[in-house]
C-alpha atoms as a PDB file:
ATOM      1  CA  MET A   1       0.317  -0.220  -0.446  1.00  0.00           C
ATOM      2  CA  THR A   2       1.590   3.290  -0.785  1.00  0.00           C
ATOM      3  CA  TRP A   3       0.678   6.947   1.262  1.00  0.00           C
ATOM      4  CA  LYS A   4      -0.571   9.710  -0.535  1.00  0.00           C
ATOM      5  CA  LEU A   5      -0.138  13.025  -0.234  1.00  0.00           C
ATOM      6  CA  THR A   6      -2.344  16.297  -0.942  1.00  0.00           C
ATOM      7  CA  VAL A   7      -0.881  19.635  -0.770  1.00  0.00           C
ATOM      8  CA  ARG A   8      -3.286  22.802  -0.752  1.00  0.00           C
ATOM      9  CA  ALA A   9      -1.733  26.414  -0.722  1.00  0.00           C
ATOM     10  CA  GLY A  10      -4.011  28.950  -1.928  1.00  0.00           C
ATOM     11  CA  SER A  11      -5.533  27.353  -5.178  1.00  0.00           C
ATOM     12  CA  GLN A  12      -3.278  25.126  -6.106  1.00  0.00           C
ATOM     13  CA  VAL A  13      -3.191  21.532  -5.445  1.00  0.00           C
ATOM     14  CA  ASP A  14      -0.391  19.226  -5.569  1.00  0.00           C
ATOM     15  CA  ARG A  15      -0.498  15.079  -5.213  1.00  0.00           C
ATOM     16  CA  ALA A  16       2.291  13.095  -4.505  1.00  0.00           C
ATOM     17  CA  ARG A  17       2.593   8.830  -3.206  1.00  0.00           C
ATOM     18  CA  ALA A  18       5.130   7.507  -1.052  1.00  0.00           C
ATOM     19  CA  GLU A  19       5.547   3.576  -0.522  1.00  0.00           C
ATOM     20  CA  THR A  20       6.461   4.175   3.235  1.00  0.00           C
ATOM     21  CA  LEU A  21       5.600   6.394   5.487  1.00  0.00           C
ATOM     22  CA  ASP A  22       9.128   7.685   6.516  1.00  0.00           C
ATOM     23  CA  GLU A  23       9.382   8.812   2.778  1.00  0.00           C
ATOM     24  CA  ALA A  24       6.502  10.326   2.883  1.00  0.00           C
ATOM     25  CA  LEU A  25       7.529  11.982   5.883  1.00  0.00           C
ATOM     26  CA  GLY A  26      10.408  13.348   4.515  1.00  0.00           C
ATOM     27  CA  ILE A  27       8.144  15.254   1.438  1.00  0.00           C
ATOM     28  CA  VAL A  28       6.340  16.715   4.199  1.00  0.00           C
ATOM     29  CA  ARG A  29       9.516  18.339   5.260  1.00  0.00           C
ATOM     30  CA  VAL A  30      10.576  19.281   1.651  1.00  0.00           C
ATOM     31  CA  ARG A  31       6.998  21.054   1.040  1.00  0.00           C
ATOM     32  CA  LEU A  32       6.943  22.863   4.386  1.00  0.00           C
ATOM     33  CA  ALA A  33      10.130  24.270   3.885  1.00  0.00           C
ATOM     34  CA  ASP A  34       9.116  25.315   0.561  1.00  0.00           C
ATOM     35  CA  LEU A  35       6.013  26.522   1.177  1.00  0.00           C
ATOM     36  CA  GLN A  36       7.753  28.499   4.917  1.00  0.00           C
ATOM     37  CA  PRO A  37       8.120  31.949   2.990  1.00  0.00           C
ATOM     38  CA  SER A  38       5.231  32.448   1.861  1.00  0.00           C
ATOM     39  CA  ALA A  39       3.046  31.371   4.406  1.00  0.00           C
ATOM     40  CA  HIS A  40       2.759  35.107   6.101  1.00  0.00           C
ATOM     41  CA  ARG A  41      -0.600  36.400   6.554  1.00  0.00           C
ATOM     42  CA  GLU A  42      -1.709  39.818   7.690  1.00  0.00           C
ATOM     43  CA  PRO A  43      -4.724  40.069  10.401  1.00  0.00           C
ATOM     44  CA  THR A  44      -8.125  39.500   8.311  1.00  0.00           C
ATOM     45  CA  ARG A  45     -11.451  40.336   9.669  1.00  0.00           C
ATOM     46  CA  ALA A  46     -14.978  37.935   9.281  1.00  0.00           C
ATOM     47  CA  PHE A  47     -18.172  39.748   9.925  1.00  0.00           C
ATOM     48  CA  ALA A  48     -17.608  41.530  13.603  1.00  0.00           C
ATOM     49  CA  ARG A  49     -14.432  38.558  14.651  1.00  0.00           C
ATOM     50  CA  GLU A  50     -11.108  39.660  13.953  1.00  0.00           C
ATOM     51  CA  ILE A  51      -9.042  36.414  12.531  1.00  0.00           C
ATOM     52  CA  ALA A  52      -5.123  36.150  13.343  1.00  0.00           C
ATOM     53  CA  PRO A  53      -2.381  34.847  11.479  1.00  0.00           C
ATOM     54  CA  GLY A  54      -2.434  32.324  14.283  1.00  0.00           C
ATOM     55  CA  GLN A  55      -6.090  31.438  13.044  1.00  0.00           C
ATOM     56  CA  GLN A  56      -5.291  30.859   9.237  1.00  0.00           C
ATOM     57  CA  VAL A  57      -4.065  28.233   7.253  1.00  0.00           C
ATOM     58  CA  ALA A  58      -1.662  29.441   4.532  1.00  0.00           C
ATOM     59  CA  ALA A  59      -1.121  24.961   3.412  1.00  0.00           C
ATOM     60  CA  ARG A  60      -2.592  22.073   4.760  1.00  0.00           C
ATOM     61  CA  LEU A  61      -0.652  19.011   4.102  1.00  0.00           C
ATOM     62  CA  GLU A  62      -2.914  16.096   4.378  1.00  0.00           C
ATOM     63  CA  LEU A  63      -1.424  12.329   4.296  1.00  0.00           C
ATOM     64  CA  ARG A  64      -3.777   8.712   3.858  1.00  0.00           C
ATOM     65  CA  GLY A  65      -2.522   5.476   3.903  1.00  0.00           C
ATOM     66  CA  PRO A  66      -3.631   2.007   4.169  1.00  0.00           C
ATOM     67  CA  GLY A  67      -5.888   1.228   7.118  1.00  0.00           C
ATOM     68  CA  ARG A  68      -8.031   4.452   7.056  1.00  0.00           C
ATOM     69  CA  ARG A  69      -4.897   6.252   8.440  1.00  0.00           C
ATOM     70  CA  ARG A  70      -5.417   9.865   7.985  1.00  0.00           C
ATOM     71  CA  GLY A  71      -3.288  13.100   9.100  1.00  0.00           C
ATOM     72  CA  GLY A  72      -1.607  16.327   8.499  1.00  0.00           C
ATOM     73  CA  VAL A  73      -0.324  19.423   9.111  1.00  0.00           C
ATOM     74  CA  ASP A  74      -1.200  22.830   8.708  1.00  0.00           C
ATOM     75  CA  LEU A  75       1.072  25.682   7.941  1.00  0.00           C
ATOM     76  CA  ARG A  76      -0.758  28.513   9.673  1.00  0.00           C
ATOM     77  CA  GLY A  77      -0.402  32.662   8.965  1.00  0.00           C
ATOM     78  CA  ASP A  78       2.024  33.249  11.829  1.00  0.00           C
ATOM     79  CA  GLY A  79       4.466  30.583  10.146  1.00  0.00           C
ATOM     80  CA  SER A  80       4.103  28.142  12.877  1.00  0.00           C
ATOM     81  CA  VAL A  81       3.028  24.531  11.552  1.00  0.00           C
ATOM     82  CA  ALA A  82       0.534  21.715  13.673  1.00  0.00           C
ATOM     83  CA  ALA A  83       0.299  18.296  13.010  1.00  0.00           C
ATOM     84  CA  TRP A  84      -3.367  16.412  13.554  1.00  0.00           C
ATOM     85  CA  THR A  85      -5.201  13.283  13.146  1.00  0.00           C
ATOM     86  CA  GLY A  86      -8.674  12.093  11.731  1.00  0.00           C
ATOM     87  CA  ARG A  87     -11.062  12.577   8.531  1.00  0.00           C
ATOM     88  CA  VAL A  88     -13.886  14.573   9.410  1.00  0.00           C
ATOM     89  CA  ALA A  89     -13.532  16.034  13.569  1.00  0.00           C
ATOM     90  CA  LYS A  90      -9.488  16.355  13.719  1.00  0.00           C
ATOM     91  CA  ARG A  91      -7.460  16.134  16.806  1.00  0.00           C
ATOM     92  CA  GLU A  92      -4.942  17.954  17.262  1.00  0.00           C
ATOM     93  CA  VAL A  93      -1.372  16.037  17.345  1.00  0.00           C
ATOM     94  CA  ALA A  94       0.619  17.429  20.285  1.00  0.00           C
ATOM     95  CA  GLY A  95       4.861  17.711  20.166  1.00  0.00           C
ATOM     96  CA  HIS A  96       7.855  19.865  19.738  1.00  0.00           C
ATOM     97  CA  ASP A  97       8.245  18.842  15.864  1.00  0.00           C
ATOM     98  CA  ALA A  98       4.527  18.431  14.063  1.00  0.00           C
ATOM     99  CA  VAL A  99       6.139  16.361  11.149  1.00  0.00           C
ATOM    100  CA  ALA A 100       7.769  13.763  14.151  1.00  0.00           C
ATOM    101  CA  ALA A 101       4.434  13.796  16.471  1.00  0.00           C
ATOM    102  CA  LEU A 102       2.309  13.207  12.885  1.00  0.00           C
ATOM    103  CA  GLY A 103       4.835  10.249  12.065  1.00  0.00           C
ATOM    104  CA  GLU A 104       4.310   8.701  15.610  1.00  0.00           C
ATOM    105  CA  ALA A 105       0.628   9.287  15.737  1.00  0.00           C
ATOM    106  CA  LEU A 106       0.044   7.548  12.138  1.00  0.00           C
ATOM    107  CA  ARG A 107       2.337   4.597  13.311  1.00  0.00           C
ATOM    108  CA  GLU A 108      -0.155   3.984  16.315  1.00  0.00           C
END
């Protein structure tokens, strides 16, 4: 079985495949490094609410693998990265290194 990676950054959607989880996580690290310089966002308003850059998702990298395992990382507008797992209801995965934390969660 292969791992499928979908990268959504703005209106661009790119896809890649990897044979192993480690290979897929390596691709995620490379893509995050490529996207990091363009992640900066300014605060914005939606209706009467102000949305801070840390609450805006500049890019989403999603992994799908065997056994219905799903997870990914969100690159936020302030440059931070948050890992998550799940399909519909996303659970944030805590860890100093978001990509490593995602790998640990998907191996379980």
